[in-house]
Structures are given as C-alpha cells and as structure tokens.
C-alpha atoms as a PDB file:
ATOM      1  CA  MET A   1      26.394 -20.555  77.283  1.00  0.00           C
ATOM      2  CA  LEU A   2      28.038 -18.087  79.029  1.00  0.00           C
ATOM      3  CA  LEU A   3      26.717 -19.109  82.191  1.00  0.00           C
ATOM      4  CA  HIS A   4      28.361 -23.024  81.473  1.00  0.00           C
ATOM      5  CA  LEU A   5      31.497 -21.651  80.688  1.00  0.00           C
ATOM      6  CA  ARG A   6      32.291 -18.823  83.546  1.00  0.00           C
ATOM      7  CA  ASP A   7      30.963 -22.311  85.814  1.00  0.00           C
ATOM      8  CA  ARG A   8      33.974 -23.957  84.153  1.00  0.00           C
ATOM      9  CA  ILE A   9      36.170 -21.384  84.897  1.00  0.00           C
ATOM     10  CA  VAL A  10      35.443 -21.373  88.555  1.00  0.00           C
ATOM     11  CA  LEU A  11      35.979 -25.179  88.258  1.00  0.00           C
ATOM     12  CA  GLY A  12      38.779 -24.650  87.147  1.00  0.00           C
ATOM     13  CA  ALA A  13      40.609 -22.451  89.161  1.00  0.00           C
ATOM     14  CA  VAL A  14      39.316 -24.671  92.287  1.00  0.00           C
ATOM     15  CA  GLU A  15      39.393 -28.385  91.194  1.00  0.00           C
ATOM     16  CA  ASN A  16      42.795 -29.608  90.083  1.00  0.00           C
ATOM     17  CA  THR A  17      42.485 -30.607  86.343  1.00  0.00           C
ATOM     18  CA  PRO A  18      39.167 -31.227  85.667  1.00  0.00           C
ATOM     19  CA  VAL A  19      36.249 -33.175  83.948  1.00  0.00           C
ATOM     20  CA  PRO A  20      33.190 -31.068  82.898  1.00  0.00           C
ATOM     21  CA  HIS A  21      30.013 -31.958  82.015  1.00  0.00           C
ATOM     22  CA  ARG A  22      29.548 -31.492  78.700  1.00  0.00           C
ATOM     23  CA  MET A  23      26.566 -28.211  77.650  1.00  0.00           C
ATOM     24  CA  HIS A  24      24.198 -30.561  75.724  1.00  0.00           C
ATOM     25  CA  GLY A  25      23.111 -27.262  73.401  1.00  0.00           C
ATOM     26  CA  THR A  26      21.313 -29.163  70.763  1.00  0.00           C
ATOM     27  CA  PRO A  27      19.610 -31.724  73.069  1.00  0.00           C
ATOM     28  CA  ARG A  28      18.487 -28.344  75.223  1.00  0.00           C
ATOM     29  CA  VAL A  29      17.108 -27.315  71.554  1.00  0.00           C
ATOM     30  CA  GLU A  30      15.253 -30.290  70.852  1.00  0.00           C
ATOM     31  CA  LEU A  31      13.390 -30.420  74.134  1.00  0.00           C
ATOM     32  CA  GLY A  32      12.362 -27.022  73.818  1.00  0.00           C
ATOM     33  CA  LEU A  33      13.337 -25.479  76.527  1.00  0.00           C
ATOM     34  CA  TYR A  34      14.124 -21.147  74.833  1.00  0.00           C
ATOM     35  CA  ALA A  35      10.682 -22.003  72.703  1.00  0.00           C
ATOM     36  CA  LEU A  36       8.924 -19.621  75.095  1.00  0.00           C
ATOM     37  CA  ASP A  37      12.207 -17.411  74.869  1.00  0.00           C
ATOM     38  CA  ASP A  38      11.576 -13.637  72.903  1.00  0.00           C
ATOM     39  CA  ALA A  39      14.829 -11.386  72.134  1.00  0.00           C
ATOM     40  CA  ALA A  40      13.649  -9.212  74.743  1.00  0.00           C
ATOM     41  CA  THR A  41      14.080 -11.440  77.115  1.00  0.00           C
ATOM     42  CA  THR A  42      17.381 -13.520  75.522  1.00  0.00           C
ATOM     43  CA  ALA A  43      18.736  -9.271  75.305  1.00  0.00           C
ATOM     44  CA  ALA A  44      18.694  -9.592  78.693  1.00  0.00           C
ATOM     45  CA  ASP A  45      20.076 -12.685  79.517  1.00  0.00           C
ATOM     46  CA  LEU A  46      23.017 -12.205  77.406  1.00  0.00           C
ATOM     47  CA  ARG A  47      23.406  -8.901  78.981  1.00  0.00           C
ATOM     48  CA  PHE A  48      23.263 -10.282  82.886  1.00  0.00           C
ATOM     49  CA  ALA A  49      25.541 -13.628  81.351  1.00  0.00           C
ATOM     50  CA  GLY A  50      27.824 -11.122  79.293  1.00  0.00           C
ATOM     51  CA  GLY A  51      28.285  -9.692  82.298  1.00  0.00           C
ATOM     52  CA  LEU A  52      28.699 -12.085  84.928  1.00  0.00           C
ATOM     53  CA  PHE A  53      30.951 -14.468  82.873  1.00  0.00           C
ATOM     54  CA  ALA A  54      33.734 -10.709  82.793  1.00  0.00           C
ATOM     55  CA  ARG A  55      32.964  -9.305  86.265  1.00  0.00           C
ATOM     56  CA  THR A  56      34.562 -13.753  86.613  1.00  0.00           C
ATOM     57  CA  TRP A  57      36.892 -13.190  84.086  1.00  0.00           C
ATOM     58  CA  SER A  58      38.104 -10.085  86.091  1.00  0.00           C
ATOM     59  CA  ALA A  59      38.508 -11.036  89.721  1.00  0.00           C
ATOM     60  CA  ARG A  60      40.005 -14.221  89.450  1.00  0.00           C
ATOM     61  CA  PRO A  61      43.562 -14.237  89.789  1.00  0.00           C
ATOM     62  CA  THR A  62      46.666 -14.110  88.059  1.00  0.00           C
ATOM     63  CA  ASP A  63      48.301 -16.841  88.455  1.00  0.00           C
ATOM     64  CA  LEU A  64      45.151 -19.395  87.815  1.00  0.00           C
ATOM     65  CA  VAL A  65      44.770 -19.009  83.795  1.00  0.00           C
ATOM     66  CA  ASP A  66      47.728 -21.716  83.050  1.00  0.00           C
ATOM     67  CA  ARG A  67      45.551 -24.246  85.171  1.00  0.00           C
ATOM     68  CA  PRO A  68      44.512 -27.430  83.444  1.00  0.00           C
ATOM     69  CA  ILE A  69      41.203 -28.522  82.426  1.00  0.00           C
ATOM     70  CA  VAL A  70      39.691 -31.254  80.303  1.00  0.00           C
ATOM     71  CA  TYR A  71      37.573 -30.454  77.645  1.00  0.00           C
ATOM     72  CA  GLY A  72      35.848 -33.960  75.930  1.00  0.00           C
ATOM     73  CA  TRP A  73      34.296 -31.868  72.642  1.00  0.00           C
ATOM     74  CA  PRO A  74      35.011 -32.501  69.765  1.00  0.00           C
ATOM     75  CA  VAL A  75      38.523 -35.283  70.984  1.00  0.00           C
ATOM     76  CA  VAL A  76      39.978 -34.962  74.550  1.00  0.00           C
ATOM     77  CA  ALA A  77      42.009 -32.186  75.250  1.00  0.00           C
ATOM     78  CA  THR A  78      43.415 -30.561  78.039  1.00  0.00           C
ATOM     79  CA  ARG A  79      43.097 -26.511  77.947  1.00  0.00           C
ATOM     80  CA  ASP A  80      43.344 -24.850  79.802  1.00  0.00           C
ATOM     81  CA  LEU A  81      41.840 -21.500  81.974  1.00  0.00           C
ATOM     82  CA  ARG A  82      42.685 -19.268  79.178  1.00  0.00           C
ATOM     83  CA  TRP A  83      41.703 -20.931  76.294  1.00  0.00           C
ATOM     84  CA  VAL A  84      38.026 -21.253  78.181  1.00  0.00           C
ATOM     85  CA  ALA A  85      37.962 -17.675  77.683  1.00  0.00           C
ATOM     86  CA  ALA A  86      39.198 -17.350  74.710  1.00  0.00           C
ATOM     87  CA  GLN A  87      36.817 -20.168  74.040  1.00  0.00           C
ATOM     88  CA  ALA A  88      33.258 -17.515  75.322  1.00  0.00           C
ATOM     89  CA  LEU A  89      34.745 -15.011  73.005  1.00  0.00           C
ATOM     90  CA  HIS A  90      34.677 -16.887  70.066  1.00  0.00           C
ATOM     91  CA  GLU A  91      30.796 -18.193  71.161  1.00  0.00           C
ATOM     92  CA  CYS A  92      29.723 -14.649  71.282  1.00  0.00           C
ATOM     93  CA  GLU A  93      30.578 -13.876  67.823  1.00  0.00           C
ATOM     94  CA  HIS A  94      29.508 -16.698  66.703  1.00  0.00           C
ATOM     95  CA  HIS A  95      26.708 -16.672  68.167  1.00  0.00           C
ATOM     96  CA  LEU A  96      26.171 -13.478  67.199  1.00  0.00           C
ATOM     97  CA  ALA A  97      26.229 -13.456  63.675  1.00  0.00           C
ATOM     98  CA  ASP A  98      23.677 -16.518  63.886  1.00  0.00           C
ATOM     99  CA  VAL A  99      22.117 -13.310  65.551  1.00  0.00           C
ATOM    100  CA  ARG A 100      22.583 -11.350  62.157  1.00  0.00           C
ATOM    101  CA  ALA A 101      21.650 -13.701  60.185  1.00  0.00           C
ATOM    102  CA  ASP A 102      18.316 -14.436  61.139  1.00  0.00           C
ATOM    103  CA  LEU A 103      17.622 -10.956  61.338  1.00  0.00           C
ATOM    104  CA  GLY A 104      18.654 -10.357  57.735  1.00  0.00           C
ATOM    105  CA  VAL A 105      21.195  -7.253  59.927  1.00  0.00           C
ATOM    106  CA  ALA A 106      25.151  -7.803  57.278  1.00  0.00           C
ATOM    107  CA  GLY A 107      28.411  -7.835  60.287  1.00  0.00           C
ATOM    108  CA  PRO A 108      31.680  -8.618  60.689  1.00  0.00           C
ATOM    109  CA  ALA A 109      32.166 -12.145  59.758  1.00  0.00           C
ATOM    110  CA  PRO A 110      33.044 -14.520  63.275  1.00  0.00           C
ATOM    111  CA  THR A 111      37.277 -14.288  63.864  1.00  0.00           C
ATOM    112  CA  THR A 112      38.802 -17.869  64.151  1.00  0.00           C
ATOM    113  CA  ARG A 113      39.406 -19.676  67.907  1.00  0.00           C
ATOM    114  CA  ARG A 114      42.186 -18.722  69.495  1.00  0.00           C
END
C-alpha cells in the first residue's frame, strides 16, 4: 500500500491530474500473494516501504502539495497530493491496528481520515 501511494505522489508530481490504476488490494489477498510472507519479512518490508514513502514525501518540492490527482474510490473525486500523504498515514494507522488485533496487542485507536 505504501509503495502504491508513493507511486501516486510521483505520478501526481509529473502528470497533470492523473487517474492512477487501482491497487486491487482484495484480489492480491485472494490470489494468495501474501501467503508466503512471515512476520520478519513483513516487518522488514514495512520499514523499507515506510522509509521510501517518507523520503519521497520529504524530497518533493513543497509547491507540489496542491497538485490534483483523481481517486476512483469510494466515489470519483479529485484530491491533492497532501491528501494522498494523509491517506498513507491513515492506512498505516489502520493496518497497524489490524496487526495489533491479530497479535492480541492493545494500542490506540486509528485516527480518522484527514
């Protein structure tokens, strides 16, 4: 998810009002694409993807945050790159809550989308 959202930041920075491809999250799971992932590999992948996303966001010129990008879900809407970054944070919080629940570890509730 972080790699996909990072690509949306890049796409929005270089194209005018792009319409990115869907991530197809549910089909990825249904196809078993994560079936061989163990906890250590997943943790390493998350550290890598989180770092890459953060470095990409930090490196982008500040005047690009208002560039539009079209999102198709849950309804077609034009957003900006700032919204994409907020969405990445929301998704991280949401998935962290899922991991904590799966492990039986308590943690703070995810925040609402910004």
